[in-house]
Protein backbone atom coordinates (compact mmCIF):
# COMPACT_ATOMS: atom_id res chain seq x y z
CA UNK A 1 0.00 0.00 0.00
CA UNK A 2 1.34 3.45 -0.93
CA UNK A 3 2.00 5.53 2.15
CA UNK A 4 3.90 8.63 3.14
CA UNK A 5 4.70 12.12 1.90
CA UNK A 6 8.19 12.72 0.51
CA UNK A 7 10.19 15.79 -0.38
CA UNK A 8 13.29 15.84 -2.57
CA UNK A 9 15.85 17.85 -0.61
CA UNK A 10 18.44 19.95 -2.44
CA UNK A 11 22.01 20.62 -1.34
CA UNK A 12 25.11 22.25 -2.75
CA UNK A 13 28.58 21.24 -1.57
CA UNK A 14 27.03 19.47 1.40
CA UNK A 15 24.96 22.44 2.54
CA UNK A 16 21.18 22.26 2.34
CA UNK A 17 19.46 24.85 0.22
CA UNK A 18 16.77 26.99 1.82
CA UNK A 19 14.16 25.55 -0.52
CA UNK A 20 14.53 22.18 1.24
CA UNK A 21 13.14 23.71 4.43
CA UNK A 22 10.33 25.37 2.46
CA UNK A 23 9.38 21.97 1.06
CA UNK A 24 9.36 20.46 4.56
CA UNK A 25 7.06 23.22 5.79
CA UNK A 26 4.58 22.66 2.97
CA UNK A 27 4.75 18.86 3.05
CA UNK A 28 4.38 18.74 6.84
CA UNK A 29 0.83 20.07 6.52
CA UNK A 30 0.01 17.47 3.88
CA UNK A 31 1.42 14.61 5.96
CA UNK A 32 -0.44 15.73 9.08
CA UNK A 33 -3.75 15.88 7.20
CA UNK A 34 -3.21 12.34 5.94
CA UNK A 35 -1.81 11.04 9.23
CA UNK A 36 1.26 9.84 7.33
CA UNK A 37 4.97 10.21 8.07
CA UNK A 38 7.00 12.91 6.34
CA UNK A 39 10.20 11.75 4.68
CA UNK A 40 13.00 13.58 2.91
CA UNK A 41 15.27 12.13 0.25
CA UNK A 42 18.83 13.43 0.27
CA UNK A 43 21.33 12.61 -2.47
CA UNK A 44 24.94 13.78 -2.33
CA UNK A 45 28.40 13.01 -1.08
CA UNK A 46 29.49 13.40 2.56
CA UNK A 47 26.11 14.89 3.49
CA UNK A 48 25.43 12.96 6.73
CA UNK A 49 25.21 16.15 8.79
CA UNK A 50 22.71 17.62 6.33
CA UNK A 51 20.50 14.55 6.82
CA UNK A 52 20.25 15.33 10.54
CA UNK A 53 19.35 18.96 9.75
CA UNK A 54 16.35 17.74 7.74
CA UNK A 55 15.08 15.95 10.84
CA UNK A 56 15.57 19.10 12.93
CA UNK A 57 13.44 20.97 10.37
CA UNK A 58 10.52 18.54 10.34
CA UNK A 59 11.34 15.26 8.60
CA UNK A 60 10.41 12.03 10.39
CA UNK A 61 12.58 9.90 8.11
CA UNK A 62 15.51 10.77 5.83
CA UNK A 63 16.48 8.43 3.02
CA UNK A 64 20.17 9.07 2.41
CA UNK A 65 22.12 8.01 -0.68
CA UNK A 66 25.75 9.09 -0.20
CA UNK A 67 28.15 8.44 -3.06
CA UNK A 68 31.03 10.30 -4.79
CA UNK A 69 29.13 10.23 -8.10
CA UNK A 70 26.40 12.35 -6.47
CA UNK A 71 28.75 15.18 -5.46
CA UNK A 72 27.57 17.38 -8.33
CA UNK A 73 24.08 17.24 -9.79
CA UNK A 74 23.88 14.78 -12.66
CA UNK A 75 20.39 13.77 -13.87
CA UNK A 76 21.34 10.18 -14.76
CA UNK A 77 22.48 8.86 -11.35
CA UNK A 78 20.06 11.12 -9.49
CA UNK A 79 17.05 9.80 -11.40
CA UNK A 80 18.24 6.18 -11.19
CA UNK A 81 18.64 6.41 -7.40
CA UNK A 82 15.27 8.06 -6.96
CA UNK A 83 13.46 5.59 -9.22
CA UNK A 84 14.84 2.60 -7.34
CA UNK A 85 14.09 4.14 -3.95
CA UNK A 86 10.52 5.00 -4.95
CA UNK A 87 9.87 1.49 -6.25
CA UNK A 88 11.19 0.04 -3.00
CA UNK A 89 9.32 2.30 -0.56
CA UNK A 90 6.22 3.29 -2.60
CA UNK A 91 5.40 6.78 -1.28
CA UNK A 92 1.97 8.27 -1.83
CA UNK A 93 3.10 11.84 -2.61
CA UNK A 94 6.41 13.32 -3.77
CA UNK A 95 7.06 17.08 -3.75
CA UNK A 96 10.10 18.80 -5.21
CA UNK A 97 11.05 22.41 -5.84
CA UNK A 98 10.47 24.05 -9.21
CA UNK A 99 14.19 24.78 -9.46
CA UNK A 100 16.58 23.71 -12.20
CA UNK A 101 17.14 20.47 -10.29
CA UNK A 102 13.46 19.73 -9.66
CA UNK A 103 12.37 20.70 -13.16
CA UNK A 104 14.99 18.32 -14.55
CA UNK A 105 14.39 15.32 -12.30
CA UNK A 106 10.64 15.19 -11.85
CA UNK A 107 9.51 14.92 -15.50
CA UNK A 108 11.95 12.05 -16.12
CA UNK A 109 10.78 10.30 -12.95
CA UNK A 110 7.12 10.74 -13.87
CA UNK A 111 7.73 9.19 -17.28
CA UNK A 112 9.62 6.22 -15.82
CA UNK A 113 7.02 5.62 -13.11
CA UNK A 114 4.06 6.13 -15.49
CA UNK A 115 2.41 8.69 -13.27
CA UNK A 116 1.34 12.33 -13.49
CA UNK A 117 3.22 15.48 -12.61
CA UNK A 118 1.91 18.98 -11.95
CA UNK A 119 4.66 21.54 -12.37
CA UNK A 120 5.20 24.97 -10.83
CA UNK A 121 2.43 24.75 -8.21
CA UNK A 122 1.60 27.69 -5.98
CA UNK A 123 -0.52 25.70 -3.51
CA UNK A 124 -0.94 22.10 -2.36
CA UNK A 125 -3.70 20.62 -0.22
CA UNK A 126 -5.43 17.33 0.60
CA UNK A 127 -8.98 16.68 -0.57
CA UNK A 128 -11.07 15.77 2.45
CA UNK A 129 -13.23 12.96 1.03
CA UNK A 130 -10.65 11.20 -1.14
CA UNK A 131 -7.30 12.05 0.43
CA UNK A 132 -6.04 13.04 -3.01
CA UNK A 133 -3.38 15.70 -3.48
CA UNK A 134 -4.87 18.95 -4.79
CA UNK A 135 -2.26 20.63 -6.95
CA UNK A 136 -2.96 24.28 -7.82
CA UNK A 137 -1.01 26.20 -10.44
CA UNK A 138 -1.52 29.11 -12.88
CA UNK A 139 -2.89 28.12 -16.28
CA UNK A 140 -3.73 29.79 -19.59
CA UNK A 141 -0.94 32.30 -19.25
CA UNK A 142 -1.76 32.96 -15.62
CA UNK A 143 -5.36 34.03 -16.31
CA UNK A 144 -6.86 31.21 -14.21
CA UNK A 145 -5.76 29.00 -11.33
CA UNK A 146 -6.22 25.31 -12.12
CA UNK A 147 -6.49 22.60 -9.44
CA UNK A 148 -5.27 19.22 -10.67
CA UNK A 149 -5.63 15.72 -9.20
CA UNK A 150 -3.95 12.38 -9.97
CA UNK A 151 -6.66 9.87 -8.99
CA UNK A 152 -5.47 6.68 -10.70
CA UNK A 153 -1.66 6.63 -10.57
CA UNK A 154 0.97 6.68 -7.83
CA UNK A 155 2.93 8.43 -6.61
CA UNK A 156 1.23 11.82 -6.94
CA UNK A 157 3.98 14.23 -7.95
CA UNK A 158 4.30 18.00 -7.98
CA UNK A 159 6.90 20.73 -8.07
CA UNK A 160 6.29 23.94 -6.13
CA UNK A 161 7.70 27.41 -6.61
CA UNK A 162 10.59 28.42 -4.38
CA UNK A 163 9.80 31.10 -1.80
CA UNK A 164 6.08 30.35 -2.04
CA UNK A 165 5.94 29.49 1.69
CA UNK A 166 8.02 30.10 4.80
CA UNK A 167 10.77 27.60 5.69
CA UNK A 168 10.12 25.23 8.58
CA UNK A 169 11.81 26.32 11.83
CA UNK A 170 14.78 24.42 13.26
CA UNK A 171 14.06 22.34 16.35
CA UNK A 172 17.18 20.48 17.57
CA UNK A 173 15.07 18.50 20.04
CA UNK A 174 13.35 16.61 17.21
CA UNK A 175 14.32 13.00 16.59
CA UNK A 176 13.91 10.88 13.51
CA UNK A 177 15.43 8.06 11.51
CA UNK A 178 18.14 8.28 8.86
CA UNK A 179 17.97 5.30 6.50
CA UNK A 180 21.15 4.87 4.45
CA UNK A 181 20.63 3.23 1.07
CA UNK A 182 23.55 1.44 -0.58
CA UNK A 183 23.18 0.76 -4.30
CA UNK A 184 25.43 -1.04 -6.80
CA UNK A 185 27.82 0.98 -8.95
CA UNK A 186 25.72 0.62 -12.11
CA UNK A 187 23.02 2.80 -10.51
CA UNK A 188 25.47 5.72 -10.61
CA UNK A 189 26.38 5.38 -14.29
CA UNK A 190 26.01 8.52 -16.39
CA UNK A 191 26.01 9.54 -20.03
CA UNK A 192 27.30 12.97 -19.03
CA UNK A 193 30.80 14.22 -18.26
CA UNK A 194 31.25 17.32 -16.14
CA UNK A 195 33.85 19.53 -17.78
CA UNK A 196 33.77 22.33 -15.22
CA UNK A 197 31.72 24.96 -13.43
CA UNK A 198 31.63 28.63 -14.32
CA UNK A 199 29.92 31.27 -12.21
CA UNK A 200 27.75 33.82 -13.99
CA UNK A 201 29.60 37.10 -13.80
CA UNK A 202 26.47 39.26 -13.90
CA UNK A 203 24.73 37.73 -10.94
CA UNK A 204 26.30 38.80 -7.66
CA UNK A 205 23.12 38.23 -5.62
CA UNK A 206 20.78 35.25 -6.10
CA UNK A 207 17.51 36.80 -7.26
CA UNK A 208 15.39 34.13 -5.55
CA UNK A 209 16.98 34.79 -2.14
CA UNK A 210 17.28 38.58 -2.38
CA UNK A 211 15.45 40.82 0.09
CA UNK A 212 15.37 43.58 -2.54
CA UNK A 213 14.82 43.11 -6.28
CA UNK A 214 15.25 46.00 -8.70
CA UNK A 215 13.49 44.77 -11.84
CA UNK A 216 13.71 46.35 -15.26
CA UNK A 217 11.47 46.22 -18.30
CA UNK A 218 11.73 47.37 -21.89
CA UNK A 219 10.54 50.78 -20.70
CA UNK A 220 14.12 51.51 -19.62
CA UNK A 221 14.61 52.55 -23.25
CA UNK A 222 18.04 51.19 -24.13
CA UNK A 223 20.62 48.81 -22.61
CA UNK A 224 22.96 51.66 -21.68
CA UNK A 225 20.39 52.80 -19.11
CA UNK A 226 20.88 49.55 -17.21
CA UNK A 227 23.85 51.19 -15.49
CA UNK A 228 21.37 53.10 -13.32
CA UNK A 229 19.63 49.83 -12.43
CA UNK A 230 22.92 48.15 -11.51
CA UNK A 231 24.01 51.08 -9.36
CA UNK A 232 20.67 51.29 -7.57
CA UNK A 233 20.59 47.52 -6.95
CA UNK A 234 24.10 47.68 -5.52
CA UNK A 235 23.19 50.57 -3.22
CA UNK A 236 20.14 48.70 -1.95
CA UNK A 237 22.09 45.43 -1.60
CA UNK A 238 19.60 43.89 -3.99
CA UNK A 239 19.46 41.70 -7.07
CA UNK A 240 18.53 42.70 -10.61
CA UNK A 241 15.34 41.25 -12.09
CA UNK A 242 14.06 41.53 -15.62
CA UNK A 243 10.98 41.08 -17.74
CA UNK A 244 11.04 38.50 -20.51
CA UNK A 245 11.24 41.27 -23.11
CA UNK A 246 14.54 42.49 -21.67
CA UNK A 247 15.96 38.97 -21.68
CA UNK A 248 14.72 38.30 -25.23
CA UNK A 249 16.47 41.48 -26.37
CA UNK A 250 19.70 40.21 -24.86
CA UNK A 251 20.05 43.13 -22.44
CA UNK A 252 20.21 40.76 -19.45
CA UNK A 253 20.70 37.00 -19.19
CA UNK A 254 18.00 34.45 -18.38
CA UNK A 255 18.87 34.02 -14.64
CA UNK A 256 17.46 37.54 -14.11
CA UNK A 257 14.06 36.77 -15.67
CA UNK A 258 11.03 36.95 -13.37
CA UNK A 259 7.74 35.32 -14.34
CA UNK A 260 6.07 32.09 -15.37
CA UNK A 261 8.93 31.22 -17.72
CA UNK A 262 11.56 32.63 -15.35
CA UNK A 263 12.01 32.71 -11.59
CA UNK A 264 9.59 33.31 -8.76
CA UNK A 265 10.63 35.91 -6.21
CA UNK A 266 9.14 37.20 -2.98
CA UNK A 267 11.43 39.94 -1.66
CA UNK A 268 10.59 42.53 0.96
CA UNK A 269 10.86 45.19 -1.77
CA UNK A 270 10.20 44.75 -5.49
CA UNK A 271 11.07 47.91 -7.42
CA UNK A 272 9.66 47.61 -10.96
CA UNK A 273 11.27 50.05 -13.38
CA UNK A 274 9.69 50.37 -16.81
CA UNK A 275 7.78 47.09 -16.49
CA UNK A 276 4.31 47.11 -18.04
CA UNK A 277 3.03 44.21 -15.94
CA UNK A 278 2.16 41.30 -18.23
CA UNK A 279 0.25 38.52 -16.48
CA UNK A 280 3.15 36.13 -16.93
CA UNK A 281 5.51 38.54 -15.20
CA UNK A 282 3.11 39.33 -12.36
CA UNK A 283 2.79 35.61 -11.58
CA UNK A 284 6.48 35.55 -10.68
CA UNK A 285 6.46 38.45 -8.20
CA UNK A 286 3.04 38.42 -6.53
CA UNK A 287 4.57 37.21 -3.29
CA UNK A 288 6.58 40.42 -2.84
CA UNK A 289 5.96 42.21 0.46
CA UNK A 290 6.03 45.69 -1.05
CA UNK A 291 5.78 46.54 -4.74
CA UNK A 292 6.92 49.93 -6.01
CA UNK A 293 6.39 50.67 -9.72
CA UNK A 294 7.85 53.44 -11.87
CA UNK A 295 6.34 53.79 -15.33
CA UNK A 296 5.45 56.69 -17.60
CA UNK A 297 2.28 54.93 -18.81
CA UNK A 298 -0.51 55.56 -16.27
CA UNK A 299 -2.46 52.61 -17.70
CA UNK A 300 0.34 50.08 -17.15
CA UNK A 301 -0.93 46.86 -15.55
CA UNK A 302 1.87 46.91 -12.99
CA UNK A 303 0.07 49.71 -11.14
CA UNK A 304 -2.82 47.33 -10.33
CA UNK A 305 -0.57 45.28 -8.05
CA UNK A 306 1.73 48.08 -6.86
CA UNK A 307 1.58 49.39 -3.30
CA UNK A 308 3.18 52.61 -4.51
CA UNK A 309 3.08 53.80 -8.10
CA UNK A 310 5.11 56.62 -9.61
CA UNK A 311 4.12 57.91 -13.04
CA UNK A 312 7.15 59.42 -14.70
CA UNK A 313 10.12 59.05 -16.99
CA UNK A 314 12.76 56.66 -15.64
CA UNK A 315 15.53 58.61 -17.33
CA UNK A 316 14.60 61.57 -15.11
CA UNK A 317 13.74 59.69 -11.90
CA UNK A 318 16.63 57.22 -11.57
CA UNK A 319 19.50 59.72 -11.94
CA UNK A 320 17.96 61.75 -9.13
CA UNK A 321 17.19 58.74 -6.92
CA UNK A 322 20.68 57.21 -6.93
CA UNK A 323 22.76 60.03 -5.36
CA UNK A 324 20.09 60.69 -2.74
CA UNK A 325 19.94 56.96 -1.96
CA UNK A 326 23.68 56.90 -1.37
CA UNK A 327 23.49 59.78 1.11
CA UNK A 328 20.63 58.27 3.11
CA UNK A 329 22.06 54.74 3.13
CA UNK A 330 25.22 56.10 4.71
CA UNK A 331 22.93 57.28 7.49
CA UNK A 332 21.87 53.62 7.93
CA UNK A 333 18.31 54.00 6.71
CA UNK A 334 16.75 50.72 5.53
CA UNK A 335 16.39 50.33 1.77
CA UNK A 336 12.68 49.57 1.96
CA UNK A 337 11.73 52.73 3.83
CA UNK A 338 14.29 54.76 1.93
CA UNK A 339 12.91 54.10 -1.53
CA UNK A 340 9.32 54.70 -0.48
CA UNK A 341 10.11 57.96 1.24
CA UNK A 342 12.32 59.30 -1.52
CA UNK A 343 9.75 58.53 -4.22
CA UNK A 344 6.97 60.11 -2.20
CA UNK A 345 9.09 63.22 -1.81
């Protein structure tokens, strides 16, 4: 009988990513509603300490596969390990993050296991009468929210957007079980060869983890004007976001893109500069605590979701905002209050 709720934990160089704790928080509610245990699957090399952290953050059981071939993410051994583990333990529900890792692994797993997968969910719940997983995600370009069920196949699988819920708190008094799985060498075979790793030079702050995002749209006018955006983002200790139009034009690279086809962000401050507010873009930043929009078009859709809207020409506003920001930040004023006050002035 299928039983249990699983999350696929993510780590980098032995350190758990924040999204793993977000998954535990979301999956804990599902497991409690079903009365089932919550398990985490951790793949990596020399990650025993990370396994214990997953228990401290809410897991009842951690399935650990520790092998040198799992040191860096490689879809072949990762999928092979997960497939074998799932066939052995038969979980009812598996939840992963809609990150590069999750978006790579989960579709392959779903195909191999002959089950369904709902990608990029914003909400998960349990249906009272049936105990089925209710998987909610934007559809039709973000115009509607669709709730999807997998009634006839197991496991039920979904990926959820990072930063769509708060991480589970750490409780070092929690206890749980770490189950180490040893698999034969052929499980770790791969068709890929890692040639090296190269860090993106543009991205100094991870946009998904940033407390402040300064996002730019085609309304900036020309790529040379991005220098203002970069300077402002640096002053505010923030990351640079972009609309799809800016990325398509080649002004910024894909890791900066916010929206359905890009990344989901939920910073304390989202400063939208020259962004019209297409539905697809709005779907990626609706979780922002405070949205400030600057646009010369008073009918821009971004103003419908903005907490503070400024109608004006960016080429006039940004050059004035940057030197004043520098002066006030030296006086230790927080970036969130600073931007709001300066724009209101």
